[in-house]
């Protein structure tokens, strides 16, 4: 069953307005299997982020403006928050 106003199935969860990927449901009974599945998803997303960074995040390097700098500041802050989950706060 799809929710027309949200664009994703009603059985999917929403986390802060972002639908969890419906193609990779986390319906495992074993935490080790679920952990491995999540780790794989994270590696795929990290590889995609690396590709985007190598391509200047889709921006023309000769047309960089302050909005792009601000966007990267938000990305850097989010990465610091993610790293703090495992490493502690940045120094």
PDB file of N, CA and C in Angstrom:
ATOM      1  N   UNK A   1       0.849  -1.187   0.000  1.00  0.00           N
ATOM      2  CA  UNK A   1       0.000   0.000   0.000  1.00  0.00           C
ATOM      3  C   UNK A   1       0.888   1.241   0.000  1.00  0.00           C
ATOM      4  N   UNK A   2       0.673   2.110  -0.963  1.00  0.00           N
ATOM      5  CA  UNK A   2       1.476   3.327  -1.062  1.00  0.00           C
ATOM      6  C   UNK A   2       0.667   4.522  -0.585  1.00  0.00           C
ATOM      7  N   UNK A   3       1.347   5.407   0.075  1.00  0.00           N
ATOM      8  CA  UNK A   3       0.734   6.642   0.528  1.00  0.00           C
ATOM      9  C   UNK A   3       0.962   7.706  -0.539  1.00  0.00           C
ATOM     10  N   UNK A   4      -0.091   8.138  -1.247  1.00  0.00           N
ATOM     11  CA  UNK A   4       0.108   9.069  -2.355  1.00  0.00           C
ATOM     12  C   UNK A   4       0.709  10.402  -1.910  1.00  0.00           C
ATOM     13  N   UNK A   5       0.356  10.876  -0.729  1.00  0.00           N
ATOM     14  CA  UNK A   5       0.877  12.165  -0.308  1.00  0.00           C
ATOM     15  C   UNK A   5       2.341  12.091   0.138  1.00  0.00           C
ATOM     16  N   UNK A   6       2.807  10.918   0.534  1.00  0.00           N
ATOM     17  CA  UNK A   6       4.191  10.791   0.970  1.00  0.00           C
ATOM     18  C   UNK A   6       5.069  10.119  -0.074  1.00  0.00           C
ATOM     19  N   UNK A   7       4.481   9.318  -0.974  1.00  0.00           N
ATOM     20  CA  UNK A   7       5.237   8.711  -2.039  1.00  0.00           C
ATOM     21  C   UNK A   7       5.980   7.450  -1.661  1.00  0.00           C
ATOM     22  N   UNK A   8       5.640   6.849  -0.532  1.00  0.00           N
ATOM     23  CA  UNK A   8       6.262   5.595  -0.162  1.00  0.00           C
ATOM     24  C   UNK A   8       5.242   4.746   0.562  1.00  0.00           C
ATOM     25  N   UNK A   9       5.543   3.464   0.703  1.00  0.00           N
ATOM     26  CA  UNK A   9       4.610   2.538   1.315  1.00  0.00           C
ATOM     27  C   UNK A   9       4.325   2.859   2.768  1.00  0.00           C
ATOM     28  N   UNK A  10       3.101   2.620   3.173  1.00  0.00           N
ATOM     29  CA  UNK A  10       2.692   2.904   4.538  1.00  0.00           C
ATOM     30  C   UNK A  10       3.452   2.066   5.550  1.00  0.00           C
ATOM     31  N   UNK A  11       3.972   0.892   5.121  1.00  0.00           N
ATOM     32  CA  UNK A  11       4.705   0.039   6.048  1.00  0.00           C
ATOM     33  C   UNK A  11       6.118   0.548   6.310  1.00  0.00           C
ATOM     34  N   UNK A  12       6.586   1.503   5.499  1.00  0.00           N
ATOM     35  CA  UNK A  12       7.910   2.061   5.706  1.00  0.00           C
ATOM     36  C   UNK A  12       7.879   3.079   6.837  1.00  0.00           C
ATOM     37  N   UNK A  13       8.987   3.187   7.518  1.00  0.00           N
ATOM     38  CA  UNK A  13       9.093   4.182   8.574  1.00  0.00           C
ATOM     39  C   UNK A  13       9.644   5.477   8.000  1.00  0.00           C
ATOM     40  N   UNK A  14       9.376   6.559   8.677  1.00  0.00           N
ATOM     41  CA  UNK A  14       9.902   7.850   8.279  1.00  0.00           C
ATOM     42  C   UNK A  14      10.734   8.383   9.438  1.00  0.00           C
ATOM     43  N   UNK A  15      11.967   8.787   9.138  1.00  0.00           N
ATOM     44  CA  UNK A  15      12.860   9.324  10.143  1.00  0.00           C
ATOM     45  C   UNK A  15      13.187  10.757   9.765  1.00  0.00           C
ATOM     46  N   UNK A  16      12.650  11.707  10.489  1.00  0.00           N
ATOM     47  CA  UNK A  16      12.849  13.129  10.235  1.00  0.00           C
ATOM     48  C   UNK A  16      12.552  13.483   8.784  1.00  0.00           C
ATOM     49  N   UNK A  17      11.477  12.932   8.242  1.00  0.00           N
ATOM     50  CA  UNK A  17      11.039  13.264   6.898  1.00  0.00           C
ATOM     51  C   UNK A  17      11.727  12.486   5.802  1.00  0.00           C
ATOM     52  N   UNK A  18      12.630  11.563   6.143  1.00  0.00           N
ATOM     53  CA  UNK A  18      13.340  10.781   5.139  1.00  0.00           C
ATOM     54  C   UNK A  18      12.870   9.341   5.215  1.00  0.00           C
ATOM     55  N   UNK A  19      12.343   8.830   4.114  1.00  0.00           N
ATOM     56  CA  UNK A  19      11.868   7.446   4.093  1.00  0.00           C
ATOM     57  C   UNK A  19      13.068   6.510   4.095  1.00  0.00           C
ATOM     58  N   UNK A  20      13.006   5.497   4.923  1.00  0.00           N
ATOM     59  CA  UNK A  20      14.047   4.478   4.927  1.00  0.00           C
ATOM     60  C   UNK A  20      13.956   3.711   3.629  1.00  0.00           C
ATOM     61  N   UNK A  21      15.103   3.365   3.056  1.00  0.00           N
ATOM     62  CA  UNK A  21      15.169   2.704   1.758  1.00  0.00           C
ATOM     63  C   UNK A  21      14.289   1.451   1.740  1.00  0.00           C
ATOM     64  N   UNK A  22      13.266   1.412   0.882  1.00  0.00           N
ATOM     65  CA  UNK A  22      12.372   0.260   0.856  1.00  0.00           C
ATOM     66  C   UNK A  22      13.007  -0.984   0.254  1.00  0.00           C
ATOM     67  N   UNK A  23      14.113  -0.818  -0.488  1.00  0.00           N
ATOM     68  CA  UNK A  23      14.748  -1.958  -1.134  1.00  0.00           C
ATOM     69  C   UNK A  23      15.621  -2.763  -0.184  1.00  0.00           C
ATOM     70  N   UNK A  24      15.880  -2.239   1.000  1.00  0.00           N
ATOM     71  CA  UNK A  24      16.749  -2.938   1.940  1.00  0.00           C
ATOM     72  C   UNK A  24      16.099  -2.981   3.318  1.00  0.00           C
ATOM     73  N   UNK A  25      15.009  -3.730   3.450  1.00  0.00           N
ATOM     74  CA  UNK A  25      14.328  -3.780   4.744  1.00  0.00           C
ATOM     75  C   UNK A  25      15.200  -4.447   5.797  1.00  0.00           C
ATOM     76  N   UNK A  26      15.113  -3.949   7.009  1.00  0.00           N
ATOM     77  CA  UNK A  26      15.874  -4.516   8.121  1.00  0.00           C
ATOM     78  C   UNK A  26      14.943  -5.425   8.931  1.00  0.00           C
ATOM     79  N   UNK A  27      14.584  -6.523   8.348  1.00  0.00           N
ATOM     80  CA  UNK A  27      13.700  -7.477   9.028  1.00  0.00           C
ATOM     81  C   UNK A  27      14.466  -8.749   9.344  1.00  0.00           C
ATOM     82  N   UNK A  28      15.570  -8.603  10.045  1.00  0.00           N
ATOM     83  CA  UNK A  28      16.393  -9.742  10.411  1.00  0.00           C
ATOM     84  C   UNK A  28      16.094 -10.130  11.856  1.00  0.00           C
ATOM     85  N   UNK A  29      16.165 -11.400  12.133  1.00  0.00           N
ATOM     86  CA  UNK A  29      15.986 -11.850  13.517  1.00  0.00           C
ATOM     87  C   UNK A  29      17.321 -11.952  14.227  1.00  0.00           C
ATOM     88  N   UNK A  30      18.405 -11.984  13.470  1.00  0.00           N
ATOM     89  CA  UNK A  30      19.738 -12.098  14.038  1.00  0.00           C
ATOM     90  C   UNK A  30      20.424 -10.732  13.998  1.00  0.00           C
ATOM     91  N   UNK A  31      20.882 -10.206  15.134  1.00  0.00           N
ATOM     92  CA  UNK A  31      21.515  -8.892  15.119  1.00  0.00           C
ATOM     93  C   UNK A  31      22.802  -8.860  14.298  1.00  0.00           C
ATOM     94  N   UNK A  32      23.529  -9.961  14.228  1.00  0.00           N
ATOM     95  CA  UNK A  32      24.744 -10.003  13.423  1.00  0.00           C
ATOM     96  C   UNK A  32      24.447  -9.821  11.950  1.00  0.00           C
ATOM     97  N   UNK A  33      23.373 -10.445  11.479  1.00  0.00           N
ATOM     98  CA  UNK A  33      22.962 -10.308  10.081  1.00  0.00           C
ATOM     99  C   UNK A  33      22.504  -8.886   9.805  1.00  0.00           C
ATOM    100  N   UNK A  34      21.717  -8.324  10.703  1.00  0.00           N
ATOM    101  CA  UNK A  34      21.246  -6.944  10.543  1.00  0.00           C
ATOM    102  C   UNK A  34      22.421  -5.971  10.559  1.00  0.00           C
ATOM    103  N   UNK A  35      23.391  -6.222  11.445  1.00  0.00           N
ATOM    104  CA  UNK A  35      24.579  -5.369  11.532  1.00  0.00           C
ATOM    105  C   UNK A  35      25.358  -5.410  10.222  1.00  0.00           C
ATOM    106  N   UNK A  36      25.553  -6.602   9.692  1.00  0.00           N
ATOM    107  CA  UNK A  36      26.274  -6.754   8.425  1.00  0.00           C
ATOM    108  C   UNK A  36      25.543  -6.052   7.287  1.00  0.00           C
ATOM    109  N   UNK A  37      24.222  -6.148   7.259  1.00  0.00           N
ATOM    110  CA  UNK A  37      23.434  -5.493   6.216  1.00  0.00           C
ATOM    111  C   UNK A  37      23.556  -3.978   6.324  1.00  0.00           C
ATOM    112  N   UNK A  38      23.474  -3.459   7.534  1.00  0.00           N
ATOM    113  CA  UNK A  38      23.604  -2.013   7.728  1.00  0.00           C
ATOM    114  C   UNK A  38      25.012  -1.546   7.368  1.00  0.00           C
ATOM    115  N   UNK A  39      26.021  -2.334   7.733  1.00  0.00           N
ATOM    116  CA  UNK A  39      27.403  -1.980   7.405  1.00  0.00           C
ATOM    117  C   UNK A  39      27.575  -1.892   5.893  1.00  0.00           C
ATOM    118  N   UNK A  40      27.002  -2.836   5.172  1.00  0.00           N
ATOM    119  CA  UNK A  40      27.074  -2.816   3.710  1.00  0.00           C
ATOM    120  C   UNK A  40      26.427  -1.549   3.159  1.00  0.00           C
ATOM    121  N   UNK A  41      25.256  -1.197   3.681  1.00  0.00           N
ATOM    122  CA  UNK A  41      24.570   0.011   3.223  1.00  0.00           C
ATOM    123  C   UNK A  41      25.418   1.257   3.484  1.00  0.00           C
ATOM    124  N   UNK A  42      26.061   1.303   4.641  1.00  0.00           N
ATOM    125  CA  UNK A  42      26.902   2.456   4.980  1.00  0.00           C
ATOM    126  C   UNK A  42      28.078   2.552   4.029  1.00  0.00           C
ATOM    127  N   UNK A  43      28.718   1.424   3.718  1.00  0.00           N
ATOM    128  CA  UNK A  43      29.849   1.443   2.783  1.00  0.00           C
ATOM    129  C   UNK A  43      29.424   1.929   1.399  1.00  0.00           C
ATOM    130  N   UNK A  44      28.256   1.523   0.943  1.00  0.00           N
ATOM    131  CA  UNK A  44      27.746   1.983  -0.355  1.00  0.00           C
ATOM    132  C   UNK A  44      27.535   3.496  -0.328  1.00  0.00           C
ATOM    133  N   UNK A  45      26.976   3.996   0.743  1.00  0.00           N
ATOM    134  CA  UNK A  45      26.714   5.432   0.848  1.00  0.00           C
ATOM    135  C   UNK A  45      28.012   6.225   0.982  1.00  0.00           C
ATOM    136  N   UNK A  46      28.992   5.675   1.709  1.00  0.00           N
ATOM    137  CA  UNK A  46      30.287   6.345   1.810  1.00  0.00           C
ATOM    138  C   UNK A  46      30.979   6.405   0.449  1.00  0.00           C
ATOM    139  N   UNK A  47      30.880   5.329  -0.321  1.00  0.00           N
ATOM    140  CA  UNK A  47      31.470   5.314  -1.660  1.00  0.00           C
ATOM    141  C   UNK A  47      30.793   6.369  -2.537  1.00  0.00           C
ATOM    142  N   UNK A  48      29.485   6.489  -2.420  1.00  0.00           N
ATOM    143  CA  UNK A  48      28.756   7.508  -3.203  1.00  0.00           C
ATOM    144  C   UNK A  48      29.178   8.906  -2.785  1.00  0.00           C
ATOM    145  N   UNK A  49      29.336   9.131  -1.493  1.00  0.00           N
ATOM    146  CA  UNK A  49      29.782  10.433  -1.009  1.00  0.00           C
ATOM    147  C   UNK A  49      31.183  10.745  -1.528  1.00  0.00           C
ATOM    148  N   UNK A  50      32.044   9.735  -1.561  1.00  0.00           N
ATOM    149  CA  UNK A  50      33.395   9.927  -2.098  1.00  0.00           C
ATOM    150  C   UNK A  50      33.347  10.291  -3.579  1.00  0.00           C
ATOM    151  N   UNK A  51      32.457   9.646  -4.339  1.00  0.00           N
ATOM    152  CA  UNK A  51      32.300   9.981  -5.761  1.00  0.00           C
ATOM    153  C   UNK A  51      31.836  11.426  -5.926  1.00  0.00           C
ATOM    154  N   UNK A  52      30.873  11.821  -5.117  1.00  0.00           N
ATOM    155  CA  UNK A  52      30.378  13.196  -5.187  1.00  0.00           C
ATOM    156  C   UNK A  52      31.473  14.197  -4.844  1.00  0.00           C
ATOM    157  N   UNK A  53      32.268  13.897  -3.822  1.00  0.00           N
ATOM    158  CA  UNK A  53      33.358  14.793  -3.430  1.00  0.00           C
ATOM    159  C   UNK A  53      34.386  14.913  -4.548  1.00  0.00           C
ATOM    160  N   UNK A  54      34.711  13.794  -5.191  1.00  0.00           N
ATOM    161  CA  UNK A  54      35.688  13.810  -6.286  1.00  0.00           C
ATOM    162  C   UNK A  54      35.183  14.637  -7.470  1.00  0.00           C
ATOM    163  N   UNK A  55      33.864  14.749  -7.598  1.00  0.00           N
ATOM    164  CA  UNK A  55      33.258  15.517  -8.684  1.00  0.00           C
ATOM    165  C   UNK A  55      32.821  16.903  -8.196  1.00  0.00           C
ATOM    166  N   UNK A  56      33.446  17.403  -7.137  1.00  0.00           N
ATOM    167  CA  UNK A  56      33.136  18.735  -6.595  1.00  0.00           C
ATOM    168  C   UNK A  56      31.656  18.861  -6.213  1.00  0.00           C
ATOM    169  N   UNK A  57      31.065  17.759  -5.797  1.00  0.00           N
ATOM    170  CA  UNK A  57      29.651  17.725  -5.382  1.00  0.00           C
ATOM    171  C   UNK A  57      28.732  18.285  -6.458  1.00  0.00           C
ATOM    172  N   UNK A  58      29.117  18.075  -7.713  1.00  0.00           N
ATOM    173  CA  UNK A  58      28.285  18.504  -8.833  1.00  0.00           C
ATOM    174  C   UNK A  58      28.400  19.977  -9.173  1.00  0.00           C
ATOM    175  N   UNK A  59      29.315  20.681  -8.506  1.00  0.00           N
ATOM    176  CA  UNK A  59      29.473  22.111  -8.769  1.00  0.00           C
ATOM    177  C   UNK A  59      30.623  22.344  -9.744  1.00  0.00           C
ATOM    178  N   UNK A  60      30.471  23.363 -10.560  1.00  0.00           N
ATOM    179  CA  UNK A  60      31.542  23.785 -11.455  1.00  0.00           C
ATOM    180  C   UNK A  60      32.612  24.460 -10.598  1.00  0.00           C
ATOM    181  N   UNK A  61      33.835  23.915 -10.562  1.00  0.00           N
ATOM    182  CA  UNK A  61      34.878  24.504  -9.715  1.00  0.00           C
ATOM    183  C   UNK A  61      35.164  25.977 -10.015  1.00  0.00           C
ATOM    184  N   UNK A  62      34.864  26.415 -11.228  1.00  0.00           N
ATOM    185  CA  UNK A  62      35.099  27.814 -11.601  1.00  0.00           C
ATOM    186  C   UNK A  62      33.917  28.719 -11.254  1.00  0.00           C
ATOM    187  N   UNK A  63      32.850  28.134 -10.713  1.00  0.00           N
ATOM    188  CA  UNK A  63      31.658  28.929 -10.401  1.00  0.00           C
ATOM    189  C   UNK A  63      31.233  28.753  -8.937  1.00  0.00           C
ATOM    190  N   UNK A  64      32.182  28.471  -8.063  1.00  0.00           N
ATOM    191  CA  UNK A  64      31.865  28.280  -6.652  1.00  0.00           C
ATOM    192  C   UNK A  64      31.416  29.602  -6.047  1.00  0.00           C
ATOM    193  N   UNK A  65      30.357  29.534  -5.248  1.00  0.00           N
ATOM    194  CA  UNK A  65      29.844  30.717  -4.562  1.00  0.00           C
ATOM    195  C   UNK A  65      29.663  30.384  -3.081  1.00  0.00           C
ATOM    196  N   UNK A  66      29.354  31.384  -2.277  1.00  0.00           N
ATOM    197  CA  UNK A  66      29.295  31.201  -0.825  1.00  0.00           C
ATOM    198  C   UNK A  66      28.226  30.216  -0.392  1.00  0.00           C
ATOM    199  N   UNK A  67      27.184  30.065  -1.158  1.00  0.00           N
ATOM    200  CA  UNK A  67      26.161  29.068  -0.819  1.00  0.00           C
ATOM    201  C   UNK A  67      26.733  27.659  -0.853  1.00  0.00           C
ATOM    202  N   UNK A  68      27.624  27.394  -1.821  1.00  0.00           N
ATOM    203  CA  UNK A  68      28.276  26.089  -1.900  1.00  0.00           C
ATOM    204  C   UNK A  68      29.160  25.863  -0.676  1.00  0.00           C
ATOM    205  N   UNK A  69      29.861  26.916  -0.266  1.00  0.00           N
ATOM    206  CA  UNK A  69      30.723  26.822   0.919  1.00  0.00           C
ATOM    207  C   UNK A  69      29.872  26.521   2.152  1.00  0.00           C
ATOM    208  N   UNK A  70      28.741  27.184   2.276  1.00  0.00           N
ATOM    209  CA  UNK A  70      27.844  26.945   3.412  1.00  0.00           C
ATOM    210  C   UNK A  70      27.308  25.517   3.397  1.00  0.00           C
ATOM    211  N   UNK A  71      26.949  25.016   2.226  1.00  0.00           N
ATOM    212  CA  UNK A  71      26.481  23.626   2.115  1.00  0.00           C
ATOM    213  C   UNK A  71      27.541  22.661   2.606  1.00  0.00           C
ATOM    214  N   UNK A  72      28.796  22.876   2.200  1.00  0.00           N
ATOM    215  CA  UNK A  72      29.872  21.994   2.644  1.00  0.00           C
ATOM    216  C   UNK A  72      30.116  22.122   4.145  1.00  0.00           C
ATOM    217  N   UNK A  73      29.885  23.300   4.695  1.00  0.00           N
ATOM    218  CA  UNK A  73      29.987  23.465   6.150  1.00  0.00           C
ATOM    219  C   UNK A  73      28.963  22.608   6.876  1.00  0.00           C
ATOM    220  N   UNK A  74      27.745  22.552   6.340  1.00  0.00           N
ATOM    221  CA  UNK A  74      26.703  21.701   6.941  1.00  0.00           C
ATOM    222  C   UNK A  74      27.071  20.232   6.814  1.00  0.00           C
ATOM    223  N   UNK A  75      27.635  19.851   5.656  1.00  0.00           N
ATOM    224  CA  UNK A  75      28.062  18.471   5.451  1.00  0.00           C
ATOM    225  C   UNK A  75      29.166  18.113   6.444  1.00  0.00           C
ATOM    226  N   UNK A  76      30.135  19.005   6.583  1.00  0.00           N
ATOM    227  CA  UNK A  76      31.241  18.760   7.512  1.00  0.00           C
ATOM    228  C   UNK A  76      30.737  18.612   8.946  1.00  0.00           C
ATOM    229  N   UNK A  77      29.786  19.462   9.346  1.00  0.00           N
ATOM    230  CA  UNK A  77      29.209  19.376  10.686  1.00  0.00           C
ATOM    231  C   UNK A  77      28.484  18.047  10.875  1.00  0.00           C
ATOM    232  N   UNK A  78      27.734  17.621   9.877  1.00  0.00           N
ATOM    233  CA  UNK A  78      27.014  16.344   9.972  1.00  0.00           C
ATOM    234  C   UNK A  78      27.994  15.181  10.077  1.00  0.00           C
ATOM    235  N   UNK A  79      29.093  15.245   9.327  1.00  0.00           N
ATOM    236  CA  UNK A  79      30.099  14.190   9.405  1.00  0.00           C
ATOM    237  C   UNK A  79      30.752  14.164  10.783  1.00  0.00           C
ATOM    238  N   UNK A  80      31.011  15.348  11.360  1.00  0.00           N
ATOM    239  CA  UNK A  80      31.556  15.407  12.718  1.00  0.00           C
ATOM    240  C   UNK A  80      30.605  14.757  13.715  1.00  0.00           C
ATOM    241  N   UNK A  81      29.306  15.021  13.555  1.00  0.00           N
ATOM    242  CA  UNK A  81      28.310  14.425  14.447  1.00  0.00           C
ATOM    243  C   UNK A  81      28.287  12.902  14.300  1.00  0.00           C
ATOM    244  N   UNK A  82      28.397  12.417  13.068  1.00  0.00           N
ATOM    245  CA  UNK A  82      28.429  10.972  12.845  1.00  0.00           C
ATOM    246  C   UNK A  82      29.682  10.344  13.441  1.00  0.00           C
ATOM    247  N   UNK A  83      30.817  10.981  13.228  1.00  0.00           N
ATOM    248  CA  UNK A  83      32.060  10.454  13.785  1.00  0.00           C
ATOM    249  C   UNK A  83      32.036  10.457  15.310  1.00  0.00           C
ATOM    250  N   UNK A  84      31.366  11.440  15.912  1.00  0.00           N
ATOM    251  CA  UNK A  84      31.286  11.519  17.363  1.00  0.00           C
ATOM    252  C   UNK A  84      30.556  10.316  17.961  1.00  0.00           C
ATOM    253  N   UNK A  85      29.702   9.686  17.186  1.00  0.00           N
ATOM    254  CA  UNK A  85      28.989   8.506  17.680  1.00  0.00           C
ATOM    255  C   UNK A  85      29.996   7.425  18.043  1.00  0.00           C
ATOM    256  N   UNK A  86      31.070   7.293  17.273  1.00  0.00           N
ATOM    257  CA  UNK A  86      32.021   6.212  17.484  1.00  0.00           C
ATOM    258  C   UNK A  86      33.342   6.685  18.068  1.00  0.00           C
ATOM    259  N   UNK A  87      33.776   7.898  17.709  1.00  0.00           N
ATOM    260  CA  UNK A  87      35.093   8.407  18.118  1.00  0.00           C
ATOM    261  C   UNK A  87      35.070   9.390  19.261  1.00  0.00           C
ATOM    262  N   UNK A  88      33.924   9.949  19.579  1.00  0.00           N
ATOM    263  CA  UNK A  88      33.868  11.072  20.500  1.00  0.00           C
ATOM    264  C   UNK A  88      33.910  12.359  19.712  1.00  0.00           C
ATOM    265  N   UNK A  89      33.744  13.498  20.382  1.00  0.00           N
ATOM    266  CA  UNK A  89      33.703  14.780  19.671  1.00  0.00           C
ATOM    267  C   UNK A  89      35.037  15.110  19.017  1.00  0.00           C
ATOM    268  N   UNK A  90      35.008  15.886  17.903  1.00  0.00           N
ATOM    269  CA  UNK A  90      36.255  16.265  17.235  1.00  0.00           C
ATOM    270  C   UNK A  90      37.085  17.186  18.120  1.00  0.00           C
ATOM    271  N   UNK A  91      38.373  17.154  17.877  1.00  0.00           N
ATOM    272  CA  UNK A  91      39.265  18.008  18.666  1.00  0.00           C
ATOM    273  C   UNK A  91      39.473  19.327  17.996  1.00  0.00           C
TER     274      UNK A  91
END
